[in-house]
């Protein structure tokens, strides 16, 4: 039995139920479902029930996937990665998409904030569902990850409040990764796509 999938399904039911509840009794029932899901999730993620509830309650309205965007910059057979302060792992620069911004604007903003480089988004390389990509730890909600090929147009390498280092790595020298953000399988795919004349777009 996949308990994390059950947690996500219960969370989805409770979130939609809270939005459409017609009275306080019905609203409370869906809050109860939400807390039960958080209690189950705490057994499998290492987070407390309250931490998971905070994650649940930060996402309101009808449940839809969250969106994460990442910049893929490969030059001279090396990929640009940043080192996350949170877990010490390396990742493609990126993060949550902001409301009111186009996807390409989001990734350009994230790359600049985390690496110091000014870029231009040139191509959507992949749209992946996070759950299908082997990321860890799992999240109690669905996430779509957008990967854009970007080109540097200015700036210089500079760490940020979220990153402690910025560096370039070849395909055979990938450092320990922040697995909740970027996987080695993804990086190998993007290296292969960089050498293709017509790389297309990967999805799912």
C-alpha atoms as a PDB file:
ATOM      1  CA  UNK A   1       0.000   0.000   0.000  1.00  0.00           C
ATOM      2  CA  UNK A   2       1.413   3.410  -1.004  1.00  0.00           C
ATOM      3  CA  UNK A   3       0.637   5.529   2.043  1.00  0.00           C
ATOM      4  CA  UNK A   4       2.055   8.711   0.530  1.00  0.00           C
ATOM      5  CA  UNK A   5      -0.345   8.437  -2.394  1.00  0.00           C
ATOM      6  CA  UNK A   6      -3.172   7.980   0.098  1.00  0.00           C
ATOM      7  CA  UNK A   7      -2.023  11.105   1.972  1.00  0.00           C
ATOM      8  CA  UNK A   8      -2.048  13.111  -1.251  1.00  0.00           C
ATOM      9  CA  UNK A   9      -5.509  11.850  -2.171  1.00  0.00           C
ATOM     10  CA  UNK A  10      -6.888  12.668   1.287  1.00  0.00           C
ATOM     11  CA  UNK A  11      -5.288  16.106   1.100  1.00  0.00           C
ATOM     12  CA  UNK A  12      -6.899  16.737  -2.298  1.00  0.00           C
ATOM     13  CA  UNK A  13     -10.321  15.632  -1.021  1.00  0.00           C
ATOM     14  CA  UNK A  14     -10.071  17.797   2.094  1.00  0.00           C
ATOM     15  CA  UNK A  15      -8.825  20.854   0.192  1.00  0.00           C
ATOM     16  CA  UNK A  16     -11.633  20.705  -2.366  1.00  0.00           C
ATOM     17  CA  UNK A  17     -14.127  19.948   0.405  1.00  0.00           C
ATOM     18  CA  UNK A  18     -13.071  22.994   2.415  1.00  0.00           C
ATOM     19  CA  UNK A  19     -13.543  25.232  -0.614  1.00  0.00           C
ATOM     20  CA  UNK A  20     -17.043  23.972  -1.391  1.00  0.00           C
ATOM     21  CA  UNK A  21     -18.321  23.217   2.138  1.00  0.00           C
ATOM     22  CA  UNK A  22     -21.834  24.574   2.633  1.00  0.00           C
ATOM     23  CA  UNK A  23     -21.855  24.704   6.447  1.00  0.00           C
ATOM     24  CA  UNK A  24     -19.504  24.584   9.427  1.00  0.00           C
ATOM     25  CA  UNK A  25     -20.244  20.917  10.065  1.00  0.00           C
ATOM     26  CA  UNK A  26     -19.115  19.928   6.589  1.00  0.00           C
ATOM     27  CA  UNK A  27     -16.101  22.265   6.820  1.00  0.00           C
ATOM     28  CA  UNK A  28     -15.002  20.613  10.072  1.00  0.00           C
ATOM     29  CA  UNK A  29     -15.257  17.137   8.575  1.00  0.00           C
ATOM     30  CA  UNK A  30     -12.831  18.131   5.823  1.00  0.00           C
ATOM     31  CA  UNK A  31     -10.492  19.724   8.363  1.00  0.00           C
ATOM     32  CA  UNK A  32     -10.562  16.406  10.225  1.00  0.00           C
ATOM     33  CA  UNK A  33      -9.629  14.570   7.025  1.00  0.00           C
ATOM     34  CA  UNK A  34      -6.785  17.050   6.529  1.00  0.00           C
ATOM     35  CA  UNK A  35      -5.407  16.405  10.013  1.00  0.00           C
ATOM     36  CA  UNK A  36      -5.646  12.620   9.577  1.00  0.00           C
ATOM     37  CA  UNK A  37      -3.703  12.914   6.302  1.00  0.00           C
ATOM     38  CA  UNK A  38      -1.050  15.016   8.062  1.00  0.00           C
ATOM     39  CA  UNK A  39      -0.753  12.446  10.865  1.00  0.00           C
ATOM     40  CA  UNK A  40      -0.225   9.646   8.346  1.00  0.00           C
ATOM     41  CA  UNK A  41       2.234  11.754   6.363  1.00  0.00           C
ATOM     42  CA  UNK A  42       4.323  12.479   9.441  1.00  0.00           C
ATOM     43  CA  UNK A  43       5.022   8.757   9.785  1.00  0.00           C
ATOM     44  CA  UNK A  44       6.632   8.582   6.345  1.00  0.00           C
ATOM     45  CA  UNK A  45       8.341  11.946   5.765  1.00  0.00           C
ATOM     46  CA  UNK A  46      10.142  12.796   8.992  1.00  0.00           C
ATOM     47  CA  UNK A  47       8.103  15.985   9.365  1.00  0.00           C
ATOM     48  CA  UNK A  48       5.768  16.627  12.289  1.00  0.00           C
ATOM     49  CA  UNK A  49       1.999  16.657  11.890  1.00  0.00           C
ATOM     50  CA  UNK A  50       2.000  20.424  12.397  1.00  0.00           C
ATOM     51  CA  UNK A  51       4.666  20.973   9.736  1.00  0.00           C
ATOM     52  CA  UNK A  52       2.648  18.987   7.223  1.00  0.00           C
ATOM     53  CA  UNK A  53      -0.531  20.832   8.189  1.00  0.00           C
ATOM     54  CA  UNK A  54       1.294  24.116   7.539  1.00  0.00           C
ATOM     55  CA  UNK A  55       2.188  22.848   4.052  1.00  0.00           C
ATOM     56  CA  UNK A  56      -1.393  21.752   3.463  1.00  0.00           C
ATOM     57  CA  UNK A  57      -2.881  25.026   4.629  1.00  0.00           C
ATOM     58  CA  UNK A  58      -0.516  27.195   2.599  1.00  0.00           C
ATOM     59  CA  UNK A  59      -2.281  25.846  -0.491  1.00  0.00           C
ATOM     60  CA  UNK A  60      -5.905  26.992  -0.610  1.00  0.00           C
ATOM     61  CA  UNK A  61      -8.735  26.907  -3.127  1.00  0.00           C
ATOM     62  CA  UNK A  62      -9.408  24.086  -5.553  1.00  0.00           C
ATOM     63  CA  UNK A  63      -6.386  21.716  -5.537  1.00  0.00           C
ATOM     64  CA  UNK A  64      -4.153  21.981  -8.609  1.00  0.00           C
ATOM     65  CA  UNK A  65      -0.453  21.121  -9.113  1.00  0.00           C
ATOM     66  CA  UNK A  66       2.193  23.615  -8.036  1.00  0.00           C
ATOM     67  CA  UNK A  67       4.746  24.706 -10.644  1.00  0.00           C
ATOM     68  CA  UNK A  68       8.542  24.764 -10.305  1.00  0.00           C
ATOM     69  CA  UNK A  69      10.814  26.207 -13.023  1.00  0.00           C
ATOM     70  CA  UNK A  70      14.517  25.398 -13.566  1.00  0.00           C
ATOM     71  CA  UNK A  71      17.114  26.949 -15.847  1.00  0.00           C
ATOM     72  CA  UNK A  72      19.340  24.613 -17.882  1.00  0.00           C
ATOM     73  CA  UNK A  73      22.530  26.407 -18.959  1.00  0.00           C
ATOM     74  CA  UNK A  74      25.142  24.260 -20.703  1.00  0.00           C
ATOM     75  CA  UNK A  75      28.253  25.872 -22.155  1.00  0.00           C
ATOM     76  CA  UNK A  76      31.488  24.183 -23.296  1.00  0.00           C
ATOM     77  CA  UNK A  77      30.053  20.808 -22.242  1.00  0.00           C
ATOM     78  CA  UNK A  78      29.477  21.988 -18.663  1.00  0.00           C
ATOM     79  CA  UNK A  79      26.230  22.686 -16.811  1.00  0.00           C
ATOM     80  CA  UNK A  80      25.671  25.552 -14.398  1.00  0.00           C
ATOM     81  CA  UNK A  81      24.640  24.407 -10.910  1.00  0.00           C
ATOM     82  CA  UNK A  82      24.112  26.207  -7.626  1.00  0.00           C
ATOM     83  CA  UNK A  83      24.662  24.825  -4.117  1.00  0.00           C
ATOM     84  CA  UNK A  84      21.605  24.990  -1.882  1.00  0.00           C
ATOM     85  CA  UNK A  85      22.149  26.246   1.664  1.00  0.00           C
ATOM     86  CA  UNK A  86      19.128  24.270   2.883  1.00  0.00           C
ATOM     87  CA  UNK A  87      20.531  20.788   2.261  1.00  0.00           C
ATOM     88  CA  UNK A  88      24.055  21.344   0.887  1.00  0.00           C
ATOM     89  CA  UNK A  89      23.235  19.707  -2.443  1.00  0.00           C
ATOM     90  CA  UNK A  90      23.735  21.092  -5.942  1.00  0.00           C
ATOM     91  CA  UNK A  91      20.876  21.840  -8.321  1.00  0.00           C
ATOM     92  CA  UNK A  92      19.836  23.588 -11.482  1.00  0.00           C
ATOM     93  CA  UNK A  93      18.911  27.146 -10.440  1.00  0.00           C
ATOM     94  CA  UNK A  94      15.168  27.617 -10.059  1.00  0.00           C
ATOM     95  CA  UNK A  95      12.184  27.546  -7.752  1.00  0.00           C
ATOM     96  CA  UNK A  96       8.455  28.102  -7.409  1.00  0.00           C
ATOM     97  CA  UNK A  97       6.724  30.097 -10.127  1.00  0.00           C
ATOM     98  CA  UNK A  98       5.242  33.394  -8.974  1.00  0.00           C
ATOM     99  CA  UNK A  99       1.718  34.548  -9.741  1.00  0.00           C
ATOM    100  CA  UNK A 100       1.518  37.274 -12.364  1.00  0.00           C
ATOM    101  CA  UNK A 101       4.677  36.212 -14.206  1.00  0.00           C
ATOM    102  CA  UNK A 102       5.119  34.245 -17.417  1.00  0.00           C
ATOM    103  CA  UNK A 103       6.963  30.909 -17.076  1.00  0.00           C
ATOM    104  CA  UNK A 104       9.968  32.259 -18.997  1.00  0.00           C
ATOM    105  CA  UNK A 105      10.069  35.344 -16.768  1.00  0.00           C
ATOM    106  CA  UNK A 106       9.998  33.138 -13.692  1.00  0.00           C
ATOM    107  CA  UNK A 107      12.961  31.047 -14.720  1.00  0.00           C
ATOM    108  CA  UNK A 108      15.009  34.113 -15.702  1.00  0.00           C
ATOM    109  CA  UNK A 109      14.265  35.681 -12.315  1.00  0.00           C
ATOM    110  CA  UNK A 110      15.156  32.489 -10.422  1.00  0.00           C
ATOM    111  CA  UNK A 111      18.441  31.982 -12.295  1.00  0.00           C
ATOM    112  CA  UNK A 112      19.479  35.569 -11.610  1.00  0.00           C
ATOM    113  CA  UNK A 113      18.528  35.424  -7.920  1.00  0.00           C
ATOM    114  CA  UNK A 114      20.321  32.116  -7.275  1.00  0.00           C
ATOM    115  CA  UNK A 115      23.376  32.365  -9.550  1.00  0.00           C
ATOM    116  CA  UNK A 116      23.988  36.044 -10.348  1.00  0.00           C
ATOM    117  CA  UNK A 117      23.718  35.419 -14.109  1.00  0.00           C
ATOM    118  CA  UNK A 118      21.306  37.323 -16.330  1.00  0.00           C
ATOM    119  CA  UNK A 119      19.796  34.978 -18.906  1.00  0.00           C
ATOM    120  CA  UNK A 120      17.281  34.645 -21.701  1.00  0.00           C
ATOM    121  CA  UNK A 121      14.947  31.624 -21.825  1.00  0.00           C
ATOM    122  CA  UNK A 122      15.187  30.093 -25.302  1.00  0.00           C
ATOM    123  CA  UNK A 123      13.415  26.735 -25.242  1.00  0.00           C
ATOM    124  CA  UNK A 124      11.182  24.601 -23.043  1.00  0.00           C
ATOM    125  CA  UNK A 125      13.106  21.328 -22.728  1.00  0.00           C
ATOM    126  CA  UNK A 126      10.827  19.327 -20.462  1.00  0.00           C
ATOM    127  CA  UNK A 127       7.665  19.332 -18.363  1.00  0.00           C
ATOM    128  CA  UNK A 128       7.846  16.601 -15.734  1.00  0.00           C
ATOM    129  CA  UNK A 129       5.579  15.462 -12.923  1.00  0.00           C
ATOM    130  CA  UNK A 130       7.822  15.464  -9.861  1.00  0.00           C
ATOM    131  CA  UNK A 131       6.461  12.162  -8.548  1.00  0.00           C
ATOM    132  CA  UNK A 132       7.623  10.333 -11.680  1.00  0.00           C
ATOM    133  CA  UNK A 133      11.197  11.626 -11.475  1.00  0.00           C
ATOM    134  CA  UNK A 134      12.563   9.984  -8.341  1.00  0.00           C
ATOM    135  CA  UNK A 135      12.861  13.127  -6.235  1.00  0.00           C
ATOM    136  CA  UNK A 136      13.231  12.815  -2.459  1.00  0.00           C
ATOM    137  CA  UNK A 137      11.716  13.594  -0.054  1.00  0.00           C
ATOM    138  CA  UNK A 138       8.184  13.269  -1.438  1.00  0.00           C
ATOM    139  CA  UNK A 139       5.786  16.198  -1.157  1.00  0.00           C
ATOM    140  CA  UNK A 140       2.120  15.891  -0.087  1.00  0.00           C
ATOM    141  CA  UNK A 141       0.929  17.622  -3.276  1.00  0.00           C
ATOM    142  CA  UNK A 142       1.566  17.371  -7.004  1.00  0.00           C
ATOM    143  CA  UNK A 143       4.281  19.475  -8.636  1.00  0.00           C
ATOM    144  CA  UNK A 144       4.977  20.105 -12.313  1.00  0.00           C
ATOM    145  CA  UNK A 145       8.615  20.924 -13.080  1.00  0.00           C
ATOM    146  CA  UNK A 146       9.413  23.119 -16.098  1.00  0.00           C
ATOM    147  CA  UNK A 147      12.959  23.009 -17.486  1.00  0.00           C
ATOM    148  CA  UNK A 148      14.051  25.829 -19.814  1.00  0.00           C
ATOM    149  CA  UNK A 149      17.228  26.037 -21.854  1.00  0.00           C
ATOM    150  CA  UNK A 150      18.645  29.450 -21.022  1.00  0.00           C
ATOM    151  CA  UNK A 151      21.466  31.543 -22.465  1.00  0.00           C
ATOM    152  CA  UNK A 152      23.649  33.860 -20.399  1.00  0.00           C
ATOM    153  CA  UNK A 153      23.440  37.500 -21.500  1.00  0.00           C
ATOM    154  CA  UNK A 154      25.154  39.199 -18.557  1.00  0.00           C
ATOM    155  CA  UNK A 155      25.973  39.151 -14.873  1.00  0.00           C
ATOM    156  CA  UNK A 156      28.581  37.179 -12.965  1.00  0.00           C
ATOM    157  CA  UNK A 157      28.560  34.155 -10.627  1.00  0.00           C
ATOM    158  CA  UNK A 158      27.286  35.200  -7.233  1.00  0.00           C
ATOM    159  CA  UNK A 159      25.754  33.247  -4.353  1.00  0.00           C
ATOM    160  CA  UNK A 160      22.513  34.345  -2.718  1.00  0.00           C
ATOM    161  CA  UNK A 161      20.438  33.987   0.445  1.00  0.00           C
ATOM    162  CA  UNK A 162      19.433  30.504  -0.747  1.00  0.00           C
ATOM    163  CA  UNK A 163      22.677  29.376  -2.394  1.00  0.00           C
ATOM    164  CA  UNK A 164      26.252  29.196  -1.112  1.00  0.00           C
ATOM    165  CA  UNK A 165      28.152  28.543  -4.353  1.00  0.00           C
ATOM    166  CA  UNK A 166      27.867  28.695  -8.148  1.00  0.00           C
ATOM    167  CA  UNK A 167      29.920  26.422 -10.407  1.00  0.00           C
ATOM    168  CA  UNK A 168      30.115  24.567 -13.723  1.00  0.00           C
ATOM    169  CA  UNK A 169      30.281  20.764 -13.984  1.00  0.00           C
ATOM    170  CA  UNK A 170      30.909  18.312 -16.807  1.00  0.00           C
ATOM    171  CA  UNK A 171      28.679  15.293 -17.413  1.00  0.00           C
ATOM    172  CA  UNK A 172      31.110  12.910 -15.689  1.00  0.00           C
ATOM    173  CA  UNK A 173      31.803  15.151 -12.689  1.00  0.00           C
ATOM    174  CA  UNK A 174      28.316  15.767 -11.279  1.00  0.00           C
ATOM    175  CA  UNK A 175      28.527  16.657  -7.549  1.00  0.00           C
ATOM    176  CA  UNK A 176      26.129  15.421  -4.833  1.00  0.00           C
ATOM    177  CA  UNK A 177      22.730  16.772  -5.828  1.00  0.00           C
ATOM    178  CA  UNK A 178      19.824  18.295  -3.944  1.00  0.00           C
ATOM    179  CA  UNK A 179      17.571  15.392  -4.849  1.00  0.00           C
ATOM    180  CA  UNK A 180      14.366  17.214  -4.002  1.00  0.00           C
ATOM    181  CA  UNK A 181      15.175  19.698  -6.795  1.00  0.00           C
ATOM    182  CA  UNK A 182      17.312  18.035  -9.484  1.00  0.00           C
ATOM    183  CA  UNK A 183      18.221  14.446 -10.349  1.00  0.00           C
ATOM    184  CA  UNK A 184      21.228  12.977 -12.130  1.00  0.00           C
ATOM    185  CA  UNK A 185      18.887  11.394 -14.679  1.00  0.00           C
ATOM    186  CA  UNK A 186      17.571  14.835 -15.612  1.00  0.00           C
ATOM    187  CA  UNK A 187      21.057  16.288 -15.999  1.00  0.00           C
ATOM    188  CA  UNK A 188      22.146  13.408 -18.258  1.00  0.00           C
ATOM    189  CA  UNK A 189      19.051  13.959 -20.391  1.00  0.00           C
ATOM    190  CA  UNK A 190      19.804  17.662 -20.772  1.00  0.00           C
ATOM    191  CA  UNK A 191      23.438  16.982 -21.688  1.00  0.00           C
ATOM    192  CA  UNK A 192      22.186  14.612 -24.405  1.00  0.00           C
ATOM    193  CA  UNK A 193      19.676  17.214 -25.594  1.00  0.00           C
ATOM    194  CA  UNK A 194      22.398  19.869 -25.759  1.00  0.00           C
ATOM    195  CA  UNK A 195      24.189  17.776 -28.373  1.00  0.00           C
ATOM    196  CA  UNK A 196      21.065  17.275 -30.498  1.00  0.00           C
ATOM    197  CA  UNK A 197      20.145  19.438 -33.470  1.00  0.00           C
ATOM    198  CA  UNK A 198      16.408  19.066 -32.769  1.00  0.00           C
ATOM    199  CA  UNK A 199      16.031  18.101 -29.082  1.00  0.00           C
ATOM    200  CA  UNK A 200      12.239  18.517 -28.948  1.00  0.00           C
ATOM    201  CA  UNK A 201      10.414  18.677 -25.613  1.00  0.00           C
ATOM    202  CA  UNK A 202      10.063  15.853 -23.075  1.00  0.00           C
ATOM    203  CA  UNK A 203       6.991  15.564 -20.909  1.00  0.00           C
ATOM    204  CA  UNK A 204       5.282  13.477 -18.203  1.00  0.00           C
END
